[in-house]
N, C-alpha and C. Protein backbone atom coordinates (compact mmCIF):
# COMPACT_ATOMS: atom_id res chain seq x y z
N MET A 1 10.63 12.32 0.37
CA MET A 1 10.22 11.97 -0.97
C MET A 1 11.12 10.87 -1.51
N ILE A 2 10.53 9.90 -2.17
CA ILE A 2 11.31 8.82 -2.74
C ILE A 2 12.05 9.36 -3.96
N THR A 3 13.33 9.12 -4.02
CA THR A 3 14.09 9.52 -5.20
C THR A 3 14.87 8.33 -5.69
N HIS A 4 14.53 7.90 -6.86
CA HIS A 4 15.17 6.76 -7.49
C HIS A 4 15.38 7.11 -8.96
N LYS A 5 16.44 6.55 -9.52
CA LYS A 5 16.64 6.73 -10.96
C LYS A 5 15.62 5.88 -11.71
N ASP A 6 15.30 4.73 -11.16
CA ASP A 6 14.29 3.87 -11.77
C ASP A 6 12.92 4.36 -11.35
N PRO A 7 11.90 4.00 -12.12
CA PRO A 7 10.54 4.39 -11.72
C PRO A 7 10.19 3.80 -10.35
N ILE A 8 9.34 4.49 -9.62
CA ILE A 8 8.86 3.98 -8.33
C ILE A 8 7.96 2.78 -8.61
N GLN A 9 8.22 1.71 -7.93
CA GLN A 9 7.42 0.49 -8.07
C GLN A 9 6.27 0.57 -7.06
N ILE A 10 5.04 0.65 -7.56
CA ILE A 10 3.86 0.73 -6.70
C ILE A 10 3.02 -0.51 -6.96
N PHE A 11 2.67 -1.23 -5.89
CA PHE A 11 1.79 -2.39 -6.00
C PHE A 11 0.47 -2.05 -5.30
N LEU A 12 -0.60 -2.57 -5.86
CA LEU A 12 -1.92 -2.48 -5.23
C LEU A 12 -2.51 -3.88 -5.21
N ALA A 13 -2.88 -4.35 -4.03
CA ALA A 13 -3.61 -5.61 -3.89
C ALA A 13 -5.01 -5.27 -3.41
N ASP A 14 -5.99 -5.52 -4.29
CA ASP A 14 -7.38 -5.16 -3.99
C ASP A 14 -8.29 -6.06 -4.82
N ASP A 15 -9.27 -6.68 -4.16
CA ASP A 15 -10.15 -7.59 -4.88
C ASP A 15 -11.22 -6.87 -5.70
N ASP A 16 -11.40 -5.58 -5.51
CA ASP A 16 -12.42 -4.82 -6.24
C ASP A 16 -11.83 -4.29 -7.55
N GLU A 17 -12.31 -4.82 -8.66
CA GLU A 17 -11.77 -4.43 -9.97
C GLU A 17 -11.92 -2.94 -10.24
N ASP A 18 -13.06 -2.36 -9.87
CA ASP A 18 -13.25 -0.92 -10.07
C ASP A 18 -12.22 -0.11 -9.29
N ASP A 19 -11.96 -0.52 -8.05
CA ASP A 19 -10.95 0.18 -7.23
C ASP A 19 -9.57 0.08 -7.86
N ARG A 20 -9.24 -1.10 -8.39
CA ARG A 20 -7.93 -1.26 -9.07
C ARG A 20 -7.85 -0.35 -10.29
N ASN A 21 -8.94 -0.27 -11.06
CA ASN A 21 -8.95 0.58 -12.27
C ASN A 21 -8.85 2.06 -11.91
N PHE A 22 -9.62 2.51 -10.91
CA PHE A 22 -9.56 3.92 -10.49
C PHE A 22 -8.16 4.28 -10.00
N PHE A 23 -7.57 3.38 -9.25
CA PHE A 23 -6.23 3.60 -8.71
C PHE A 23 -5.23 3.77 -9.87
N SER A 24 -5.28 2.87 -10.83
CA SER A 24 -4.37 2.93 -11.99
C SER A 24 -4.60 4.20 -12.80
N GLU A 25 -5.88 4.57 -13.01
CA GLU A 25 -6.20 5.81 -13.74
C GLU A 25 -5.67 7.04 -13.00
N ALA A 26 -5.81 7.05 -11.68
CA ALA A 26 -5.33 8.19 -10.89
C ALA A 26 -3.83 8.35 -11.04
N ILE A 27 -3.11 7.25 -10.99
CA ILE A 27 -1.66 7.33 -11.13
C ILE A 27 -1.29 7.80 -12.54
N THR A 28 -1.99 7.33 -13.54
CA THR A 28 -1.73 7.77 -14.92
C THR A 28 -1.94 9.27 -15.04
N GLU A 29 -3.04 9.77 -14.47
CA GLU A 29 -3.33 11.20 -14.54
C GLU A 29 -2.31 12.05 -13.78
N LEU A 30 -1.72 11.49 -12.74
CA LEU A 30 -0.73 12.23 -11.96
C LEU A 30 0.61 12.37 -12.70
N LYS A 31 0.77 11.59 -13.76
CA LYS A 31 1.99 11.64 -14.58
C LYS A 31 3.25 11.50 -13.71
N MET A 32 3.19 10.57 -12.79
CA MET A 32 4.33 10.31 -11.91
C MET A 32 5.23 9.28 -12.57
N GLU A 33 6.50 9.37 -12.25
CA GLU A 33 7.49 8.44 -12.78
C GLU A 33 7.38 7.16 -11.95
N ASN A 34 6.57 6.22 -12.41
CA ASN A 34 6.35 5.02 -11.63
C ASN A 34 5.90 3.86 -12.49
N ARG A 35 5.82 2.72 -11.86
CA ARG A 35 5.30 1.52 -12.50
C ARG A 35 4.30 0.91 -11.52
N VAL A 36 3.06 0.72 -11.97
CA VAL A 36 2.01 0.18 -11.11
C VAL A 36 1.72 -1.27 -11.50
N THR A 37 1.66 -2.11 -10.49
CA THR A 37 1.29 -3.50 -10.69
C THR A 37 0.13 -3.78 -9.74
N THR A 38 -0.94 -4.37 -10.27
CA THR A 38 -2.10 -4.66 -9.42
C THR A 38 -2.29 -6.17 -9.29
N PHE A 39 -2.87 -6.54 -8.16
CA PHE A 39 -3.14 -7.94 -7.85
C PHE A 39 -4.59 -8.04 -7.40
N LYS A 40 -5.28 -9.10 -7.82
CA LYS A 40 -6.71 -9.22 -7.54
C LYS A 40 -7.02 -9.75 -6.14
N ASP A 41 -6.00 -10.25 -5.46
CA ASP A 41 -6.21 -10.68 -4.08
C ASP A 41 -4.86 -10.92 -3.40
N GLY A 42 -4.90 -11.21 -2.13
CA GLY A 42 -3.69 -11.40 -1.35
C GLY A 42 -2.89 -12.63 -1.76
N LYS A 43 -3.57 -13.67 -2.22
CA LYS A 43 -2.87 -14.87 -2.66
C LYS A 43 -2.01 -14.56 -3.88
N ASP A 44 -2.56 -13.87 -4.87
CA ASP A 44 -1.78 -13.50 -6.06
C ASP A 44 -0.58 -12.63 -5.68
N LEU A 45 -0.81 -11.67 -4.77
CA LEU A 45 0.27 -10.81 -4.32
C LEU A 45 1.40 -11.63 -3.70
N MET A 46 1.06 -12.49 -2.76
CA MET A 46 2.09 -13.26 -2.05
C MET A 46 2.77 -14.27 -2.97
N ASP A 47 2.01 -14.88 -3.89
CA ASP A 47 2.62 -15.80 -4.86
C ASP A 47 3.69 -15.06 -5.66
N TYR A 48 3.39 -13.83 -6.07
CA TYR A 48 4.36 -13.04 -6.83
C TYR A 48 5.57 -12.67 -5.96
N LEU A 49 5.31 -12.13 -4.77
CA LEU A 49 6.41 -11.67 -3.91
C LEU A 49 7.36 -12.80 -3.52
N GLU A 50 6.82 -14.01 -3.38
CA GLU A 50 7.64 -15.13 -2.93
C GLU A 50 8.52 -15.72 -4.02
N LYS A 51 8.34 -15.30 -5.27
CA LYS A 51 9.24 -15.75 -6.33
C LYS A 51 10.60 -15.09 -6.08
N PRO A 52 11.68 -15.87 -6.12
CA PRO A 52 12.99 -15.31 -5.79
C PRO A 52 13.45 -14.18 -6.70
N ASP A 53 12.98 -14.16 -7.94
CA ASP A 53 13.42 -13.14 -8.88
C ASP A 53 12.42 -11.99 -9.04
N SER A 54 11.42 -11.94 -8.18
CA SER A 54 10.39 -10.90 -8.32
C SER A 54 10.95 -9.52 -7.98
N ARG A 55 10.47 -8.53 -8.71
CA ARG A 55 10.86 -7.15 -8.44
C ARG A 55 9.95 -6.63 -7.32
N LEU A 56 10.55 -6.17 -6.24
CA LEU A 56 9.77 -5.76 -5.07
C LEU A 56 9.32 -4.31 -5.21
N PRO A 57 8.17 -4.00 -4.62
CA PRO A 57 7.67 -2.62 -4.70
C PRO A 57 8.37 -1.72 -3.70
N HIS A 58 8.36 -0.43 -3.98
CA HIS A 58 8.77 0.55 -2.98
C HIS A 58 7.61 0.76 -2.01
N ILE A 59 6.39 0.82 -2.58
CA ILE A 59 5.18 1.03 -1.78
C ILE A 59 4.13 0.01 -2.19
N LEU A 60 3.52 -0.61 -1.19
CA LEU A 60 2.44 -1.56 -1.41
C LEU A 60 1.17 -0.98 -0.79
N PHE A 61 0.14 -0.76 -1.62
CA PHE A 61 -1.18 -0.37 -1.13
C PHE A 61 -1.95 -1.68 -0.95
N LEU A 62 -2.39 -1.94 0.27
CA LEU A 62 -2.93 -3.24 0.63
C LEU A 62 -4.34 -3.13 1.19
N ASP A 63 -5.30 -3.69 0.45
CA ASP A 63 -6.68 -3.75 0.94
C ASP A 63 -6.73 -4.81 2.04
N LEU A 64 -7.63 -4.63 3.00
CA LEU A 64 -7.72 -5.58 4.10
C LEU A 64 -8.65 -6.75 3.81
N ASN A 65 -9.82 -6.45 3.26
CA ASN A 65 -10.86 -7.48 3.11
C ASN A 65 -10.83 -8.05 1.69
N MET A 66 -10.07 -9.14 1.54
CA MET A 66 -9.96 -9.81 0.25
C MET A 66 -10.19 -11.30 0.45
N PRO A 67 -10.70 -11.97 -0.58
CA PRO A 67 -10.86 -13.43 -0.49
C PRO A 67 -9.50 -14.13 -0.61
N CYS A 68 -9.49 -15.39 -0.33
CA CYS A 68 -8.29 -16.26 -0.41
C CYS A 68 -7.29 -15.93 0.68
N LYS A 69 -6.76 -14.71 0.67
CA LYS A 69 -5.79 -14.28 1.68
C LYS A 69 -6.06 -12.81 1.95
N THR A 70 -6.34 -12.48 3.20
CA THR A 70 -6.69 -11.10 3.54
C THR A 70 -5.45 -10.21 3.60
N GLY A 71 -5.70 -8.92 3.65
CA GLY A 71 -4.61 -7.97 3.83
C GLY A 71 -3.89 -8.18 5.16
N PHE A 72 -4.64 -8.58 6.19
CA PHE A 72 -4.03 -8.87 7.49
C PHE A 72 -3.03 -10.03 7.35
N ASP A 73 -3.45 -11.08 6.62
CA ASP A 73 -2.57 -12.24 6.39
C ASP A 73 -1.31 -11.82 5.63
N CYS A 74 -1.50 -11.02 4.58
CA CYS A 74 -0.36 -10.56 3.77
C CYS A 74 0.60 -9.72 4.61
N LEU A 75 0.04 -8.80 5.39
CA LEU A 75 0.87 -7.94 6.24
C LEU A 75 1.74 -8.78 7.17
N LYS A 76 1.13 -9.78 7.80
CA LYS A 76 1.86 -10.64 8.72
C LYS A 76 2.99 -11.38 7.99
N GLU A 77 2.67 -11.95 6.83
CA GLU A 77 3.68 -12.70 6.06
C GLU A 77 4.82 -11.79 5.60
N ILE A 78 4.48 -10.61 5.14
CA ILE A 78 5.49 -9.68 4.64
C ILE A 78 6.41 -9.24 5.78
N ARG A 79 5.84 -8.90 6.91
CA ARG A 79 6.64 -8.39 8.02
C ARG A 79 7.45 -9.47 8.74
N THR A 80 7.18 -10.74 8.47
CA THR A 80 7.99 -11.79 9.08
C THR A 80 9.07 -12.30 8.12
N ASN A 81 9.17 -11.70 6.93
CA ASN A 81 10.18 -12.12 5.95
C ASN A 81 11.18 -10.97 5.77
N SER A 82 12.42 -11.19 6.14
CA SER A 82 13.43 -10.12 6.09
C SER A 82 13.69 -9.63 4.66
N ARG A 83 13.39 -10.43 3.66
CA ARG A 83 13.57 -9.99 2.27
C ARG A 83 12.68 -8.79 1.94
N PHE A 84 11.57 -8.66 2.66
CA PHE A 84 10.60 -7.60 2.38
C PHE A 84 10.70 -6.41 3.33
N LYS A 85 11.77 -6.33 4.11
CA LYS A 85 11.87 -5.31 5.17
C LYS A 85 11.80 -3.87 4.65
N ASP A 86 12.20 -3.64 3.40
CA ASP A 86 12.21 -2.27 2.88
C ASP A 86 10.91 -1.85 2.18
N ILE A 87 9.93 -2.74 2.13
CA ILE A 87 8.66 -2.39 1.50
C ILE A 87 7.85 -1.52 2.46
N SER A 88 7.43 -0.34 1.99
CA SER A 88 6.53 0.50 2.76
C SER A 88 5.11 0.03 2.47
N ILE A 89 4.35 -0.21 3.52
CA ILE A 89 2.99 -0.75 3.36
C ILE A 89 1.96 0.28 3.79
N ALA A 90 1.11 0.63 2.82
CA ALA A 90 -0.01 1.54 3.06
C ALA A 90 -1.28 0.70 3.06
N ILE A 91 -1.90 0.57 4.22
CA ILE A 91 -3.18 -0.12 4.27
C ILE A 91 -4.18 0.78 3.56
N TYR A 92 -4.97 0.19 2.67
CA TYR A 92 -5.85 0.94 1.79
C TYR A 92 -7.22 0.28 1.86
N SER A 93 -8.08 0.78 2.74
CA SER A 93 -9.30 0.05 3.08
C SER A 93 -10.51 0.97 3.21
N THR A 94 -11.68 0.39 3.04
CA THR A 94 -12.92 1.13 3.28
C THR A 94 -13.20 1.21 4.79
N SER A 95 -12.55 0.35 5.55
CA SER A 95 -12.77 0.31 7.00
C SER A 95 -12.05 1.46 7.70
N SER A 96 -12.75 2.05 8.67
CA SER A 96 -12.07 3.01 9.54
C SER A 96 -12.23 2.55 10.99
N SER A 97 -12.41 1.25 11.16
CA SER A 97 -12.59 0.67 12.49
C SER A 97 -11.30 0.78 13.30
N GLU A 98 -11.45 1.20 14.55
CA GLU A 98 -10.29 1.33 15.45
C GLU A 98 -9.55 0.01 15.57
N LYS A 99 -10.29 -1.09 15.60
CA LYS A 99 -9.68 -2.42 15.71
C LYS A 99 -8.77 -2.70 14.52
N ASP A 100 -9.24 -2.40 13.29
CA ASP A 100 -8.42 -2.62 12.09
C ASP A 100 -7.19 -1.71 12.09
N ILE A 101 -7.39 -0.46 12.47
CA ILE A 101 -6.27 0.49 12.50
C ILE A 101 -5.22 0.03 13.51
N GLU A 102 -5.67 -0.34 14.69
CA GLU A 102 -4.76 -0.81 15.75
C GLU A 102 -4.02 -2.07 15.32
N GLU A 103 -4.76 -3.03 14.78
CA GLU A 103 -4.17 -4.31 14.39
C GLU A 103 -3.11 -4.14 13.29
N THR A 104 -3.36 -3.27 12.32
CA THR A 104 -2.39 -3.07 11.25
C THR A 104 -1.20 -2.23 11.71
N PHE A 105 -1.44 -1.31 12.63
CA PHE A 105 -0.35 -0.52 13.21
C PHE A 105 0.61 -1.46 13.95
N VAL A 106 0.06 -2.29 14.82
CA VAL A 106 0.86 -3.24 15.59
C VAL A 106 1.52 -4.26 14.65
N GLY A 107 0.83 -4.59 13.56
CA GLY A 107 1.35 -5.58 12.61
C GLY A 107 2.48 -5.08 11.73
N GLY A 108 2.76 -3.78 11.77
CA GLY A 108 3.91 -3.28 11.04
C GLY A 108 3.62 -2.50 9.77
N ALA A 109 2.36 -2.14 9.53
CA ALA A 109 2.07 -1.29 8.37
C ALA A 109 2.65 0.10 8.63
N ASN A 110 2.92 0.84 7.57
CA ASN A 110 3.53 2.17 7.72
C ASN A 110 2.50 3.29 7.80
N ILE A 111 1.35 3.07 7.15
CA ILE A 111 0.33 4.12 7.13
C ILE A 111 -1.02 3.46 6.84
N TYR A 112 -2.09 4.08 7.31
CA TYR A 112 -3.44 3.55 7.11
C TYR A 112 -4.26 4.61 6.38
N ILE A 113 -4.81 4.23 5.24
CA ILE A 113 -5.59 5.16 4.43
C ILE A 113 -7.00 4.62 4.26
N LYS A 114 -7.98 5.43 4.61
CA LYS A 114 -9.36 5.08 4.30
C LYS A 114 -9.58 5.45 2.83
N LYS A 115 -10.07 4.48 2.05
CA LYS A 115 -10.25 4.72 0.62
C LYS A 115 -11.13 5.94 0.40
N PRO A 116 -10.65 6.89 -0.40
CA PRO A 116 -11.48 8.07 -0.70
C PRO A 116 -12.62 7.67 -1.64
N ASN A 117 -13.73 8.39 -1.54
CA ASN A 117 -14.88 8.08 -2.39
C ASN A 117 -14.99 9.05 -3.56
N ASP A 118 -13.93 9.76 -3.84
CA ASP A 118 -13.93 10.79 -4.86
C ASP A 118 -12.60 10.71 -5.61
N PHE A 119 -12.64 10.78 -6.94
CA PHE A 119 -11.45 10.59 -7.77
C PHE A 119 -10.37 11.63 -7.49
N SER A 120 -10.74 12.89 -7.31
CA SER A 120 -9.72 13.92 -7.06
C SER A 120 -9.06 13.71 -5.69
N LYS A 121 -9.83 13.23 -4.71
CA LYS A 121 -9.24 12.92 -3.39
C LYS A 121 -8.31 11.71 -3.51
N LEU A 122 -8.70 10.75 -4.34
CA LEU A 122 -7.85 9.59 -4.56
C LEU A 122 -6.51 10.02 -5.13
N LYS A 123 -6.52 10.89 -6.12
CA LYS A 123 -5.27 11.37 -6.71
C LYS A 123 -4.42 12.09 -5.65
N LYS A 124 -5.06 12.90 -4.81
CA LYS A 124 -4.31 13.61 -3.77
C LYS A 124 -3.68 12.63 -2.78
N VAL A 125 -4.45 11.63 -2.36
CA VAL A 125 -3.95 10.62 -1.42
C VAL A 125 -2.73 9.92 -2.02
N ILE A 126 -2.86 9.46 -3.26
CA ILE A 126 -1.75 8.74 -3.89
C ILE A 126 -0.52 9.63 -3.99
N LYS A 127 -0.72 10.85 -4.45
CA LYS A 127 0.41 11.78 -4.60
C LYS A 127 1.08 12.03 -3.25
N ASP A 128 0.28 12.30 -2.22
CA ASP A 128 0.83 12.58 -0.89
C ASP A 128 1.58 11.36 -0.32
N VAL A 129 0.99 10.18 -0.47
CA VAL A 129 1.60 8.98 0.10
C VAL A 129 2.89 8.62 -0.65
N VAL A 130 2.88 8.72 -1.97
CA VAL A 130 4.08 8.40 -2.74
C VAL A 130 5.21 9.38 -2.43
N ASN A 131 4.87 10.62 -2.10
CA ASN A 131 5.89 11.63 -1.83
C ASN A 131 6.33 11.73 -0.37
N ILE A 132 5.83 10.84 0.49
CA ILE A 132 6.27 10.83 1.89
C ILE A 132 7.74 10.45 1.93
N ASN A 133 8.49 11.07 2.84
CA ASN A 133 9.86 10.66 3.09
C ASN A 133 9.76 9.41 3.98
N TRP A 134 9.74 8.24 3.35
CA TRP A 134 9.46 7.01 4.07
C TRP A 134 10.50 6.67 5.12
N GLN A 135 11.74 7.01 4.87
CA GLN A 135 12.78 6.72 5.86
C GLN A 135 12.48 7.48 7.16
N PHE A 136 12.15 8.76 7.04
CA PHE A 136 11.82 9.56 8.21
C PHE A 136 10.49 9.10 8.81
N HIS A 137 9.50 8.89 7.95
CA HIS A 137 8.16 8.53 8.40
C HIS A 137 8.19 7.21 9.18
N SER A 138 8.94 6.24 8.68
CA SER A 138 8.99 4.92 9.33
C SER A 138 9.74 4.98 10.66
N SER A 139 10.78 5.79 10.74
CA SER A 139 11.55 5.85 11.98
C SER A 139 10.79 6.57 13.08
N GLY A 140 9.92 7.51 12.71
CA GLY A 140 9.17 8.26 13.71
C GLY A 140 7.73 7.81 13.80
N LEU A 141 7.48 6.54 13.48
CA LEU A 141 6.12 6.04 13.41
C LEU A 141 5.43 6.09 14.77
N ASN A 142 4.26 6.70 14.77
CA ASN A 142 3.43 6.69 15.96
C ASN A 142 1.98 6.69 15.52
N LYS A 143 1.10 6.43 16.42
CA LYS A 143 -0.30 6.26 16.08
C LYS A 143 -0.90 7.53 15.46
N GLU A 144 -0.42 8.70 15.87
CA GLU A 144 -0.97 9.96 15.35
C GLU A 144 -0.63 10.14 13.86
N THR A 145 0.56 9.70 13.44
CA THR A 145 0.94 9.85 12.03
C THR A 145 0.53 8.64 11.20
N PHE A 146 0.05 7.59 11.84
CA PHE A 146 -0.28 6.34 11.14
C PHE A 146 -1.55 6.49 10.30
N PHE A 147 -2.61 7.06 10.87
CA PHE A 147 -3.87 7.19 10.15
C PHE A 147 -3.80 8.44 9.27
N PHE A 148 -3.86 8.23 7.97
CA PHE A 148 -3.73 9.31 7.00
C PHE A 148 -5.11 9.82 6.61
N SER A 149 -5.32 11.11 6.75
CA SER A 149 -6.62 11.65 6.33
C SER A 149 -6.41 12.93 5.53
N ILE A 150 -7.36 13.20 4.64
CA ILE A 150 -7.28 14.40 3.83
C ILE A 150 -8.24 15.44 4.37
């Protein structure tokens, strides 16, 4: 479980406005000690992250299929920049394709979540993912623990 004196910084990059709103509502309802920042696409996310004074997230929920810059592009850029080494990346996608799961696993994502189609499941997913012991989870990363399902 993440334990910080400061609120947990959670970022979501997703081009679907409804998905961004549901995600933010779910976090509000969970009454978790956190700060959520959303981005409408991968370009906005990377523009923000690349600012030298930007506050980095503890956890980034990253959609794969976005215009301008895809989640795959963002993942690659993040994982090749040592400044971002401590960011836990949760792929957050409607896709459950083996190719996408494999590519993001190899690319350095920490966990893969298929977007839930139900608000209560969304809240459970967020709560479970935010409460993962990321240090342990990342060190013991394997394909069986990579794909998160409820």
